[in-house]
C-alpha atoms as a PDB file:
ATOM      1  CA  UNK A   1      27.688  15.753   7.658  1.00  0.00           C
ATOM      2  CA  UNK A   2      26.261  12.824   5.716  1.00  0.00           C
ATOM      3  CA  UNK A   3      22.568  12.479   5.144  1.00  0.00           C
ATOM      4  CA  UNK A   4      21.132   9.273   6.558  1.00  0.00           C
ATOM      5  CA  UNK A   5      19.676   7.076   3.877  1.00  0.00           C
ATOM      6  CA  UNK A   6      15.913   6.648   4.015  1.00  0.00           C
ATOM      7  CA  UNK A   7      14.254   3.241   4.266  1.00  0.00           C
ATOM      8  CA  UNK A   8      12.197   2.597   1.132  1.00  0.00           C
ATOM      9  CA  UNK A   9       8.666   1.271   1.585  1.00  0.00           C
ATOM     10  CA  UNK A  10       6.834  -0.013  -1.490  1.00  0.00           C
ATOM     11  CA  UNK A  11       3.046   0.146  -1.546  1.00  0.00           C
ATOM     12  CA  UNK A  12       0.388  -1.338  -3.843  1.00  0.00           C
ATOM     13  CA  UNK A  13      -2.640   0.596  -5.020  1.00  0.00           C
ATOM     14  CA  UNK A  14      -4.782  -2.341  -6.088  1.00  0.00           C
ATOM     15  CA  UNK A  15      -7.944  -1.317  -7.867  1.00  0.00           C
ATOM     16  CA  UNK A  16     -10.711  -3.630  -9.042  1.00  0.00           C
ATOM     17  CA  UNK A  17     -13.512  -1.767 -10.748  1.00  0.00           C
ATOM     18  CA  UNK A  18     -14.147   1.236  -8.521  1.00  0.00           C
ATOM     19  CA  UNK A  19     -12.862  -0.527  -5.368  1.00  0.00           C
ATOM     20  CA  UNK A  20      -9.446  -0.406  -3.667  1.00  0.00           C
ATOM     21  CA  UNK A  21      -7.902  -3.134  -1.524  1.00  0.00           C
ATOM     22  CA  UNK A  22      -6.879  -1.756   1.884  1.00  0.00           C
ATOM     23  CA  UNK A  23      -5.699  -3.441   5.065  1.00  0.00           C
ATOM     24  CA  UNK A  24      -5.896  -2.557   8.730  1.00  0.00           C
ATOM     25  CA  UNK A  25      -2.748  -2.552  10.864  1.00  0.00           C
ATOM     26  CA  UNK A  26      -2.905  -5.226  13.548  1.00  0.00           C
ATOM     27  CA  UNK A  27      -0.321  -4.076  16.072  1.00  0.00           C
ATOM     28  CA  UNK A  28       2.607  -1.780  16.705  1.00  0.00           C
ATOM     29  CA  UNK A  29       2.754   1.827  15.613  1.00  0.00           C
ATOM     30  CA  UNK A  30      -0.533   3.073  14.174  1.00  0.00           C
ATOM     31  CA  UNK A  31      -2.450  -0.133  15.092  1.00  0.00           C
ATOM     32  CA  UNK A  32      -6.039   0.060  13.873  1.00  0.00           C
ATOM     33  CA  UNK A  33      -5.332   2.528  11.074  1.00  0.00           C
ATOM     34  CA  UNK A  34      -5.869   1.600   7.449  1.00  0.00           C
ATOM     35  CA  UNK A  35      -3.204   1.453   4.772  1.00  0.00           C
ATOM     36  CA  UNK A  36      -2.536   0.187   1.313  1.00  0.00           C
ATOM     37  CA  UNK A  37      -0.658  -3.136   1.387  1.00  0.00           C
ATOM     38  CA  UNK A  38       3.115  -3.243   1.018  1.00  0.00           C
ATOM     39  CA  UNK A  39       6.225  -3.065   3.137  1.00  0.00           C
ATOM     40  CA  UNK A  40       9.906  -2.358   3.487  1.00  0.00           C
ATOM     41  CA  UNK A  41      12.255  -3.022   0.617  1.00  0.00           C
ATOM     42  CA  UNK A  42      15.476  -4.860   1.383  1.00  0.00           C
ATOM     43  CA  UNK A  43      18.611  -2.982   0.190  1.00  0.00           C
ATOM     44  CA  UNK A  44      19.376  -5.582  -2.480  1.00  0.00           C
ATOM     45  CA  UNK A  45      15.826  -5.682  -3.910  1.00  0.00           C
ATOM     46  CA  UNK A  46      14.245  -3.778  -6.747  1.00  0.00           C
ATOM     47  CA  UNK A  47      11.013  -1.971  -5.874  1.00  0.00           C
ATOM     48  CA  UNK A  48       8.827  -4.322  -7.918  1.00  0.00           C
ATOM     49  CA  UNK A  49      10.448  -7.467  -6.491  1.00  0.00           C
ATOM     50  CA  UNK A  50       9.976  -6.188  -2.935  1.00  0.00           C
ATOM     51  CA  UNK A  51       6.350  -5.271  -3.574  1.00  0.00           C
ATOM     52  CA  UNK A  52       5.598  -8.694  -5.028  1.00  0.00           C
ATOM     53  CA  UNK A  53       7.217 -10.367  -2.005  1.00  0.00           C
ATOM     54  CA  UNK A  54       5.345  -8.172   0.481  1.00  0.00           C
ATOM     55  CA  UNK A  55       1.963  -8.865  -1.147  1.00  0.00           C
ATOM     56  CA  UNK A  56       2.582 -12.619  -1.033  1.00  0.00           C
ATOM     57  CA  UNK A  57       3.594 -12.366   2.645  1.00  0.00           C
ATOM     58  CA  UNK A  58       0.765 -10.029   3.739  1.00  0.00           C
ATOM     59  CA  UNK A  59      -2.190 -11.175   1.639  1.00  0.00           C
ATOM     60  CA  UNK A  60      -1.091 -14.321  -0.202  1.00  0.00           C
ATOM     61  CA  UNK A  61      -1.739 -12.725  -3.608  1.00  0.00           C
ATOM     62  CA  UNK A  62       0.088 -11.921  -6.800  1.00  0.00           C
ATOM     63  CA  UNK A  63      -0.700  -8.788  -8.794  1.00  0.00           C
ATOM     64  CA  UNK A  64       0.418  -7.097 -11.958  1.00  0.00           C
ATOM     65  CA  UNK A  65       2.700  -4.272 -10.760  1.00  0.00           C
ATOM     66  CA  UNK A  66       2.406  -1.163 -12.885  1.00  0.00           C
ATOM     67  CA  UNK A  67       3.720   2.373 -12.775  1.00  0.00           C
ATOM     68  CA  UNK A  68       4.805   4.360  -9.746  1.00  0.00           C
ATOM     69  CA  UNK A  69       2.052   6.933  -9.173  1.00  0.00           C
ATOM     70  CA  UNK A  70       3.020   8.709  -5.948  1.00  0.00           C
ATOM     71  CA  UNK A  71       5.928   9.245  -3.541  1.00  0.00           C
ATOM     72  CA  UNK A  72       5.654  10.460   0.051  1.00  0.00           C
ATOM     73  CA  UNK A  73       8.074  10.919   2.921  1.00  0.00           C
ATOM     74  CA  UNK A  74       7.299  10.012   6.514  1.00  0.00           C
ATOM     75  CA  UNK A  75      10.265  10.664   8.789  1.00  0.00           C
ATOM     76  CA  UNK A  76      12.955   8.119   7.902  1.00  0.00           C
ATOM     77  CA  UNK A  77      10.693   6.419   5.315  1.00  0.00           C
ATOM     78  CA  UNK A  78      10.248   7.061   1.618  1.00  0.00           C
ATOM     79  CA  UNK A  79       6.968   5.541   0.469  1.00  0.00           C
ATOM     80  CA  UNK A  80       6.662   4.609  -3.194  1.00  0.00           C
ATOM     81  CA  UNK A  81       3.131   3.831  -4.378  1.00  0.00           C
ATOM     82  CA  UNK A  82       2.543   1.639  -7.447  1.00  0.00           C
ATOM     83  CA  UNK A  83      -0.686   1.103  -9.364  1.00  0.00           C
ATOM     84  CA  UNK A  84      -1.323  -2.649  -9.475  1.00  0.00           C
ATOM     85  CA  UNK A  85      -3.702  -4.710 -11.551  1.00  0.00           C
ATOM     86  CA  UNK A  86      -5.787  -7.415  -9.919  1.00  0.00           C
ATOM     87  CA  UNK A  87      -5.280 -10.868 -11.408  1.00  0.00           C
ATOM     88  CA  UNK A  88      -8.301 -13.195 -11.711  1.00  0.00           C
ATOM     89  CA  UNK A  89      -8.636 -16.066  -9.278  1.00  0.00           C
ATOM     90  CA  UNK A  90      -6.785 -14.403  -6.387  1.00  0.00           C
ATOM     91  CA  UNK A  91      -8.164 -14.870  -2.873  1.00  0.00           C
ATOM     92  CA  UNK A  92      -6.572 -12.416  -0.434  1.00  0.00           C
ATOM     93  CA  UNK A  93      -6.089 -13.495   3.181  1.00  0.00           C
ATOM     94  CA  UNK A  94      -5.182 -11.307   6.159  1.00  0.00           C
ATOM     95  CA  UNK A  95      -1.834 -12.986   6.876  1.00  0.00           C
ATOM     96  CA  UNK A  96      -0.087  -9.970   8.438  1.00  0.00           C
ATOM     97  CA  UNK A  97      -2.901  -7.526   9.140  1.00  0.00           C
ATOM     98  CA  UNK A  98      -6.012  -7.389  11.308  1.00  0.00           C
ATOM     99  CA  UNK A  99      -8.261  -7.435   8.254  1.00  0.00           C
ATOM    100  CA  UNK A 100      -8.590  -6.238   4.679  1.00  0.00           C
ATOM    101  CA  UNK A 101     -11.447  -4.751   2.694  1.00  0.00           C
ATOM    102  CA  UNK A 102     -12.382  -3.765  -0.812  1.00  0.00           C
ATOM    103  CA  UNK A 103     -13.400  -0.133  -0.318  1.00  0.00           C
ATOM    104  CA  UNK A 104     -15.306   1.858  -2.950  1.00  0.00           C
ATOM    105  CA  UNK A 105     -13.627   5.041  -4.165  1.00  0.00           C
ATOM    106  CA  UNK A 106     -16.492   7.096  -2.722  1.00  0.00           C
ATOM    107  CA  UNK A 107     -15.851   5.684   0.807  1.00  0.00           C
ATOM    108  CA  UNK A 108     -12.044   5.977   0.940  1.00  0.00           C
ATOM    109  CA  UNK A 109     -12.051   9.285   2.792  1.00  0.00           C
ATOM    110  CA  UNK A 110     -14.247   7.843   5.573  1.00  0.00           C
ATOM    111  CA  UNK A 111     -11.450   5.450   6.638  1.00  0.00           C
ATOM    112  CA  UNK A 112      -8.680   6.536   8.986  1.00  0.00           C
ATOM    113  CA  UNK A 113      -5.458   6.024   7.017  1.00  0.00           C
ATOM    114  CA  UNK A 114      -1.839   6.471   8.002  1.00  0.00           C
ATOM    115  CA  UNK A 115      -0.914  10.195   7.894  1.00  0.00           C
ATOM    116  CA  UNK A 116       1.577   9.642   5.052  1.00  0.00           C
ATOM    117  CA  UNK A 117      -1.268   8.290   2.886  1.00  0.00           C
ATOM    118  CA  UNK A 118      -3.560  11.323   3.272  1.00  0.00           C
ATOM    119  CA  UNK A 119      -2.602  13.151   0.065  1.00  0.00           C
ATOM    120  CA  UNK A 120      -2.841   9.975  -2.001  1.00  0.00           C
ATOM    121  CA  UNK A 121      -6.198   8.993  -0.454  1.00  0.00           C
ATOM    122  CA  UNK A 122      -7.618  12.420  -1.325  1.00  0.00           C
ATOM    123  CA  UNK A 123      -6.403  12.073  -4.914  1.00  0.00           C
ATOM    124  CA  UNK A 124      -7.826   8.560  -5.289  1.00  0.00           C
ATOM    125  CA  UNK A 125     -11.137   9.525  -3.685  1.00  0.00           C
ATOM    126  CA  UNK A 126     -11.636  12.432  -6.108  1.00  0.00           C
ATOM    127  CA  UNK A 127     -10.352  10.489  -9.121  1.00  0.00           C
ATOM    128  CA  UNK A 128      -7.415  12.884  -9.598  1.00  0.00           C
ATOM    129  CA  UNK A 129      -4.933   9.993  -9.200  1.00  0.00           C
END
């Protein structure tokens, strides 16, 4: 029996000072929950290329993509989280989400995130990640 290949989802952890950029899902599965921006990687893409594309499509921004800091599995998805640096002069827009917010580290745990993000959110909120 062959194992079905997981869909890779690349996710940006964008931090500016002590704030993180998060977005709220507009529709579909988990509508209304919060998440870190990103999306599905196409089979021919590298993780960093896919993440850059997704951020342009979702928020209209470019960031400096850094190291992979966390991996989580959610059913058929493998989520890969990358620390990203905010570039000056960027103006995010909610192009593919209900809204976005800059959330202080101390408030992260008060938002309702996707279940696959829970471990990462706890680590970011406590400063362990």
